Amino acid sequence: LKSKISPVNTAYKMIGILEIRNFLN
């Protein structure tokens, strides 16, 4: 998340990214 990869990038669709981001927030 700190790497500033664009949220439209396919990497953001990896299972776990959204869930862990929501945990961190």
PDB file of all heavy atoms in Angstrom:
ATOM      1  N   LEU A   1       0.827  -1.214   0.000  1.00  0.00           N
ATOM      2  CA  LEU A   1       0.000   0.000   0.000  1.00  0.00           C
ATOM      3  C   LEU A   1       0.859   1.261   0.000  1.00  0.00           C
ATOM      4  O   LEU A   1       0.485   2.270  -0.596  1.00  0.00           O
ATOM      5  CB  LEU A   1      -0.962  -0.011   1.189  1.00  0.00           C
ATOM      6  CG  LEU A   1      -2.010  -1.134   1.176  1.00  0.00           C
ATOM      7  CD1 LEU A   1      -2.786  -1.159   2.487  1.00  0.00           C
ATOM      8  CD2 LEU A   1      -2.951  -0.998  -0.010  1.00  0.00           C
ATOM      9  N   LYS A   2       2.011   1.222   0.652  1.00  0.00           N
ATOM     10  CA  LYS A   2       2.920   2.371   0.674  1.00  0.00           C
ATOM     11  C   LYS A   2       3.620   2.579  -0.662  1.00  0.00           C
ATOM     12  O   LYS A   2       4.133   3.655  -0.932  1.00  0.00           O
ATOM     13  CB  LYS A   2       3.972   2.200   1.776  1.00  0.00           C
ATOM     14  CG  LYS A   2       3.418   2.373   3.166  1.00  0.00           C
ATOM     15  CD  LYS A   2       4.488   2.139   4.216  1.00  0.00           C
ATOM     16  CE  LYS A   2       3.889   2.197   5.608  1.00  0.00           C
ATOM     17  NZ  LYS A   2       4.868   1.843   6.646  1.00  0.00           N
ATOM     18  N   SER A   3       3.614   1.558  -1.510  1.00  0.00           N
ATOM     19  CA  SER A   3       4.318   1.653  -2.793  1.00  0.00           C
ATOM     20  C   SER A   3       3.602   2.558  -3.786  1.00  0.00           C
ATOM     21  O   SER A   3       4.116   2.836  -4.851  1.00  0.00           O
ATOM     22  CB  SER A   3       4.500   0.260  -3.405  1.00  0.00           C
ATOM     23  OG  SER A   3       3.256  -0.253  -3.825  1.00  0.00           O
ATOM     24  N   LYS A   4       2.412   2.988  -3.440  1.00  0.00           N
ATOM     25  CA  LYS A   4       1.624   3.930  -4.261  1.00  0.00           C
ATOM     26  C   LYS A   4       1.257   3.362  -5.632  1.00  0.00           C
ATOM     27  O   LYS A   4       1.147   4.085  -6.607  1.00  0.00           O
ATOM     28  CB  LYS A   4       2.364   5.265  -4.424  1.00  0.00           C
ATOM     29  CG  LYS A   4       2.724   5.953  -3.124  1.00  0.00           C
ATOM     30  CD  LYS A   4       1.498   6.356  -2.366  1.00  0.00           C
ATOM     31  CE  LYS A   4       1.910   7.117  -1.105  1.00  0.00           C
ATOM     32  NZ  LYS A   4       0.873   7.242  -0.144  1.00  0.00           N
ATOM     33  N   ILE A   5       1.083   2.039  -5.687  1.00  0.00           N
ATOM     34  CA  ILE A   5       0.593   1.426  -6.919  1.00  0.00           C
ATOM     35  C   ILE A   5      -0.846   1.877  -7.114  1.00  0.00           C
ATOM     36  O   ILE A   5      -1.629   1.921  -6.174  1.00  0.00           O
ATOM     37  CB  ILE A   5       0.684  -0.108  -6.847  1.00  0.00           C
ATOM     38  CG1 ILE A   5       2.153  -0.528  -6.794  1.00  0.00           C
ATOM     39  CG2 ILE A   5      -0.041  -0.782  -8.007  1.00  0.00           C
ATOM     40  CD1 ILE A   5       2.377  -2.002  -6.557  1.00  0.00           C
ATOM     41  N   SER A   6      -1.200   2.223  -8.316  1.00  0.00           N
ATOM     42  CA  SER A   6      -2.542   2.717  -8.613  1.00  0.00           C
ATOM     43  C   SER A   6      -3.599   1.675  -8.263  1.00  0.00           C
ATOM     44  O   SER A   6      -3.458   0.499  -8.620  1.00  0.00           O
ATOM     45  CB  SER A   6      -2.650   3.079 -10.095  1.00  0.00           C
ATOM     46  OG  SER A   6      -3.995   3.354 -10.426  1.00  0.00           O
ATOM     47  N   PRO A   7      -4.677   2.081  -7.601  1.00  0.00           N
ATOM     48  CA  PRO A   7      -5.756   1.144  -7.256  1.00  0.00           C
ATOM     49  C   PRO A   7      -6.435   0.504  -8.465  1.00  0.00           C
ATOM     50  O   PRO A   7      -7.116  -0.506  -8.322  1.00  0.00           O
ATOM     51  CB  PRO A   7      -6.749   1.998  -6.478  1.00  0.00           C
ATOM     52  CG  PRO A   7      -5.953   3.143  -5.960  1.00  0.00           C
ATOM     53  CD  PRO A   7      -4.879   3.391  -6.985  1.00  0.00           C
ATOM     54  N   VAL A   8      -6.252   1.076  -9.646  1.00  0.00           N
ATOM     55  CA  VAL A   8      -6.834   0.456 -10.846  1.00  0.00           C
ATOM     56  C   VAL A   8      -5.939  -0.664 -11.383  1.00  0.00           C
ATOM     57  O   VAL A   8      -6.346  -1.411 -12.263  1.00  0.00           O
ATOM     58  CB  VAL A   8      -7.129   1.498 -11.951  1.00  0.00           C
ATOM     59  CG1 VAL A   8      -8.159   2.500 -11.490  1.00  0.00           C
ATOM     60  CG2 VAL A   8      -5.862   2.175 -12.419  1.00  0.00           C
ATOM     61  N   ASN A   9      -4.734  -0.776 -10.834  1.00  0.00           N
ATOM     62  CA  ASN A   9      -3.795  -1.815 -11.241  1.00  0.00           C
ATOM     63  C   ASN A   9      -4.331  -3.186 -10.840  1.00  0.00           C
ATOM     64  O   ASN A   9      -4.940  -3.354  -9.794  1.00  0.00           O
ATOM     65  CB  ASN A   9      -2.440  -1.550 -10.572  1.00  0.00           C
ATOM     66  CG  ASN A   9      -1.340  -2.425 -11.103  1.00  0.00           C
ATOM     67  OD1 ASN A   9      -1.423  -3.639 -11.024  1.00  0.00           O
ATOM     68  ND2 ASN A   9      -0.301  -1.801 -11.627  1.00  0.00           N
ATOM     69  N   THR A  10      -4.078  -4.176 -11.663  1.00  0.00           N
ATOM     70  CA  THR A  10      -4.529  -5.544 -11.413  1.00  0.00           C
ATOM     71  C   THR A  10      -4.036  -6.077 -10.072  1.00  0.00           C
ATOM     72  O   THR A  10      -4.707  -6.881  -9.438  1.00  0.00           O
ATOM     73  CB  THR A  10      -4.061  -6.473 -12.552  1.00  0.00           C
ATOM     74  OG1 THR A  10      -4.519  -5.940 -13.786  1.00  0.00           O
ATOM     75  CG2 THR A  10      -4.581  -7.861 -12.393  1.00  0.00           C
ATOM     76  N   ALA A  11      -2.888  -5.620  -9.622  1.00  0.00           N
ATOM     77  CA  ALA A  11      -2.339  -6.102  -8.353  1.00  0.00           C
ATOM     78  C   ALA A  11      -3.300  -5.859  -7.187  1.00  0.00           C
ATOM     79  O   ALA A  11      -3.315  -6.619  -6.229  1.00  0.00           O
ATOM     80  CB  ALA A  11      -0.997  -5.431  -8.075  1.00  0.00           C
ATOM     81  N   TYR A  12      -4.093  -4.820  -7.281  1.00  0.00           N
ATOM     82  CA  TYR A  12      -5.054  -4.525  -6.212  1.00  0.00           C
ATOM     83  C   TYR A  12      -6.167  -5.556  -6.129  1.00  0.00           C
ATOM     84  O   TYR A  12      -6.902  -5.607  -5.146  1.00  0.00           O
ATOM     85  CB  TYR A  12      -5.659  -3.130  -6.401  1.00  0.00           C
ATOM     86  CG  TYR A  12      -5.005  -2.090  -5.539  1.00  0.00           C
ATOM     87  CD1 TYR A  12      -3.878  -1.411  -5.966  1.00  0.00           C
ATOM     88  CD2 TYR A  12      -5.502  -1.795  -4.276  1.00  0.00           C
ATOM     89  CE1 TYR A  12      -3.269  -0.470  -5.176  1.00  0.00           C
ATOM     90  CE2 TYR A  12      -4.901  -0.855  -3.467  1.00  0.00           C
ATOM     91  CZ  TYR A  12      -3.782  -0.193  -3.929  1.00  0.00           C
ATOM     92  OH  TYR A  12      -3.178   0.736  -3.126  1.00  0.00           O
ATOM     93  N   LYS A  13      -6.310  -6.390  -7.152  1.00  0.00           N
ATOM     94  CA  LYS A  13      -7.370  -7.391  -7.166  1.00  0.00           C
ATOM     95  C   LYS A  13      -6.957  -8.699  -6.500  1.00  0.00           C
ATOM     96  O   LYS A  13      -7.757  -9.621  -6.397  1.00  0.00           O
ATOM     97  CB  LYS A  13      -7.821  -7.653  -8.607  1.00  0.00           C
ATOM     98  CG  LYS A  13      -8.460  -6.427  -9.230  1.00  0.00           C
ATOM     99  CD  LYS A  13      -8.855  -6.674 -10.655  1.00  0.00           C
ATOM    100  CE  LYS A  13      -9.400  -5.389 -11.247  1.00  0.00           C
ATOM    101  NZ  LYS A  13      -9.709  -5.508 -12.653  1.00  0.00           N
ATOM    102  N   MET A  14      -5.705  -8.775  -6.048  1.00  0.00           N
ATOM    103  CA  MET A  14      -5.252  -9.986  -5.371  1.00  0.00           C
ATOM    104  C   MET A  14      -6.096 -10.228  -4.128  1.00  0.00           C
ATOM    105  O   MET A  14      -6.417  -9.288  -3.392  1.00  0.00           O
ATOM    106  CB  MET A  14      -3.781  -9.861  -4.946  1.00  0.00           C
ATOM    107  CG  MET A  14      -2.807  -9.934  -6.077  1.00  0.00           C
ATOM    108  SD  MET A  14      -1.087  -9.969  -5.514  1.00  0.00           S
ATOM    109  CE  MET A  14      -0.908  -8.351  -4.802  1.00  0.00           C
ATOM    110  N   ILE A  15      -6.428 -11.492  -3.914  1.00  0.00           N
ATOM    111  CA  ILE A  15      -7.192 -11.833  -2.717  1.00  0.00           C
ATOM    112  C   ILE A  15      -6.367 -11.458  -1.494  1.00  0.00           C
ATOM    113  O   ILE A  15      -5.207 -11.811  -1.376  1.00  0.00           O
ATOM    114  CB  ILE A  15      -7.537 -13.340  -2.702  1.00  0.00           C
ATOM    115  CG1 ILE A  15      -8.473 -13.666  -3.860  1.00  0.00           C
ATOM    116  CG2 ILE A  15      -8.149 -13.740  -1.360  1.00  0.00           C
ATOM    117  CD1 ILE A  15      -8.739 -15.142  -4.050  1.00  0.00           C
ATOM    118  N   GLY A  16      -6.982 -10.706  -0.607  1.00  0.00           N
ATOM    119  CA  GLY A  16      -6.331 -10.326   0.646  1.00  0.00           C
ATOM    120  C   GLY A  16      -5.973  -8.853   0.728  1.00  0.00           C
ATOM    121  O   GLY A  16      -5.939  -8.291   1.822  1.00  0.00           O
ATOM    122  N   ILE A  17      -5.709  -8.219  -0.395  1.00  0.00           N
ATOM    123  CA  ILE A  17      -5.316  -6.807  -0.372  1.00  0.00           C
ATOM    124  C   ILE A  17      -6.432  -5.953   0.237  1.00  0.00           C
ATOM    125  O   ILE A  17      -6.210  -5.207   1.189  1.00  0.00           O
ATOM    126  CB  ILE A  17      -4.942  -6.294  -1.779  1.00  0.00           C
ATOM    127  CG1 ILE A  17      -3.738  -7.058  -2.347  1.00  0.00           C
ATOM    128  CG2 ILE A  17      -4.700  -4.788  -1.768  1.00  0.00           C
ATOM    129  CD1 ILE A  17      -2.438  -6.811  -1.613  1.00  0.00           C
ATOM    130  N   LEU A  18      -7.625  -6.065  -0.300  1.00  0.00           N
ATOM    131  CA  LEU A  18      -8.754  -5.265   0.186  1.00  0.00           C
ATOM    132  C   LEU A  18      -9.070  -5.583   1.644  1.00  0.00           C
ATOM    133  O   LEU A  18      -9.271  -4.670   2.459  1.00  0.00           O
ATOM    134  CB  LEU A  18      -9.989  -5.521  -0.675  1.00  0.00           C
ATOM    135  CG  LEU A  18     -11.300  -4.889  -0.193  1.00  0.00           C
ATOM    136  CD1 LEU A  18     -11.197  -3.367  -0.253  1.00  0.00           C
ATOM    137  CD2 LEU A  18     -12.467  -5.382  -1.032  1.00  0.00           C
ATOM    138  N   GLU A  19      -9.091  -6.863   1.979  1.00  0.00           N
ATOM    139  CA  GLU A  19      -9.446  -7.267   3.332  1.00  0.00           C
ATOM    140  C   GLU A  19      -8.433  -6.759   4.358  1.00  0.00           C
ATOM    141  O   GLU A  19      -8.822  -6.233   5.418  1.00  0.00           O
ATOM    142  CB  GLU A  19      -9.553  -8.795   3.412  1.00  0.00           C
ATOM    143  CG  GLU A  19     -10.664  -9.380   2.571  1.00  0.00           C
ATOM    144  CD  GLU A  19     -10.349  -9.522   1.088  1.00  0.00           C
ATOM    145  OE1 GLU A  19      -9.192  -9.291   0.683  1.00  0.00           O
ATOM    146  OE2 GLU A  19     -11.275  -9.860   0.323  1.00  0.00           O
ATOM    147  N   ILE A  20      -7.160  -6.881   4.043  1.00  0.00           N
ATOM    148  CA  ILE A  20      -6.128  -6.424   4.979  1.00  0.00           C
ATOM    149  C   ILE A  20      -6.090  -4.902   5.022  1.00  0.00           C
ATOM    150  O   ILE A  20      -5.889  -4.309   6.085  1.00  0.00           O
ATOM    151  CB  ILE A  20      -4.764  -7.050   4.643  1.00  0.00           C
ATOM    152  CG1 ILE A  20      -4.843  -8.567   4.888  1.00  0.00           C
ATOM    153  CG2 ILE A  20      -3.647  -6.414   5.464  1.00  0.00           C
ATOM    154  CD1 ILE A  20      -3.646  -9.349   4.424  1.00  0.00           C
ATOM    155  N   ARG A  21      -6.323  -4.249   3.888  1.00  0.00           N
ATOM    156  CA  ARG A  21      -6.404  -2.784   3.890  1.00  0.00           C
ATOM    157  C   ARG A  21      -7.547  -2.330   4.799  1.00  0.00           C
ATOM    158  O   ARG A  21      -7.382  -1.393   5.587  1.00  0.00           O
ATOM    159  CB  ARG A  21      -6.604  -2.253   2.479  1.00  0.00           C
ATOM    160  CG  ARG A  21      -6.536  -0.713   2.435  1.00  0.00           C
ATOM    161  CD  ARG A  21      -6.839  -0.179   1.080  1.00  0.00           C
ATOM    162  NE  ARG A  21      -8.279  -0.351   0.870  1.00  0.00           N
ATOM    163  CZ  ARG A  21      -8.903  -0.230  -0.289  1.00  0.00           C
ATOM    164  NH1 ARG A  21      -8.212   0.022  -1.375  1.00  0.00           N
ATOM    165  NH2 ARG A  21     -10.183  -0.376  -0.386  1.00  0.00           N
ATOM    166  N   ASN A  22      -8.688  -3.007   4.705  1.00  0.00           N
ATOM    167  CA  ASN A  22      -9.814  -2.656   5.579  1.00  0.00           C
ATOM    168  C   ASN A  22      -9.487  -2.902   7.047  1.00  0.00           C
ATOM    169  O   ASN A  22      -9.915  -2.152   7.920  1.00  0.00           O
ATOM    170  CB  ASN A  22     -11.068  -3.429   5.165  1.00  0.00           C
ATOM    171  CG  ASN A  22     -11.656  -2.908   3.874  1.00  0.00           C
ATOM    172  OD1 ASN A  22     -11.377  -1.785   3.451  1.00  0.00           O
ATOM    173  ND2 ASN A  22     -12.457  -3.732   3.224  1.00  0.00           N
ATOM    174  N   PHE A  23      -8.715  -3.949   7.327  1.00  0.00           N
ATOM    175  CA  PHE A  23      -8.261  -4.195   8.702  1.00  0.00           C
ATOM    176  C   PHE A  23      -7.337  -3.068   9.166  1.00  0.00           C
ATOM    177  O   PHE A  23      -7.497  -2.543  10.270  1.00  0.00           O
ATOM    178  CB  PHE A  23      -7.546  -5.545   8.792  1.00  0.00           C
ATOM    179  CG  PHE A  23      -6.716  -5.704  10.033  1.00  0.00           C
ATOM    180  CD1 PHE A  23      -7.318  -5.815  11.276  1.00  0.00           C
ATOM    181  CD2 PHE A  23      -5.338  -5.727   9.953  1.00  0.00           C
ATOM    182  CE1 PHE A  23      -6.544  -5.943  12.430  1.00  0.00           C
ATOM    183  CE2 PHE A  23      -4.558  -5.860  11.089  1.00  0.00           C
ATOM    184  CZ  PHE A  23      -5.161  -5.966  12.332  1.00  0.00           C
ATOM    185  N   LEU A  24      -6.400  -2.682   8.318  1.00  0.00           N
ATOM    186  CA  LEU A  24      -5.463  -1.618   8.682  1.00  0.00           C
ATOM    187  C   LEU A  24      -6.167  -0.282   8.889  1.00  0.00           C
ATOM    188  O   LEU A  24      -5.714   0.543   9.687  1.00  0.00           O
ATOM    189  CB  LEU A  24      -4.372  -1.487   7.610  1.00  0.00           C
ATOM    190  CG  LEU A  24      -3.409  -2.677   7.503  1.00  0.00           C
ATOM    191  CD1 LEU A  24      -2.548  -2.561   6.257  1.00  0.00           C
ATOM    192  CD2 LEU A  24      -2.559  -2.799   8.762  1.00  0.00           C
ATOM    193  N   ASN A  25      -7.274  -0.079   8.168  1.00  0.00           N
ATOM    194  CA  ASN A  25      -8.062   1.157   8.319  1.00  0.00           C
ATOM    195  C   ASN A  25      -9.095   1.049   9.433  1.00  0.00           C
ATOM    196  O   ASN A  25      -9.935   1.939   9.577  1.00  0.00           O
ATOM    197  CB  ASN A  25      -8.768   1.500   7.002  1.00  0.00           C
ATOM    198  CG  ASN A  25      -7.794   1.873   5.913  1.00  0.00           C
ATOM    199  OD1 ASN A  25      -6.682   2.295   6.188  1.00  0.00           O
ATOM    200  ND2 ASN A  25      -8.199   1.696   4.671  1.00  0.00           N
TER     201      ASN A  25
END
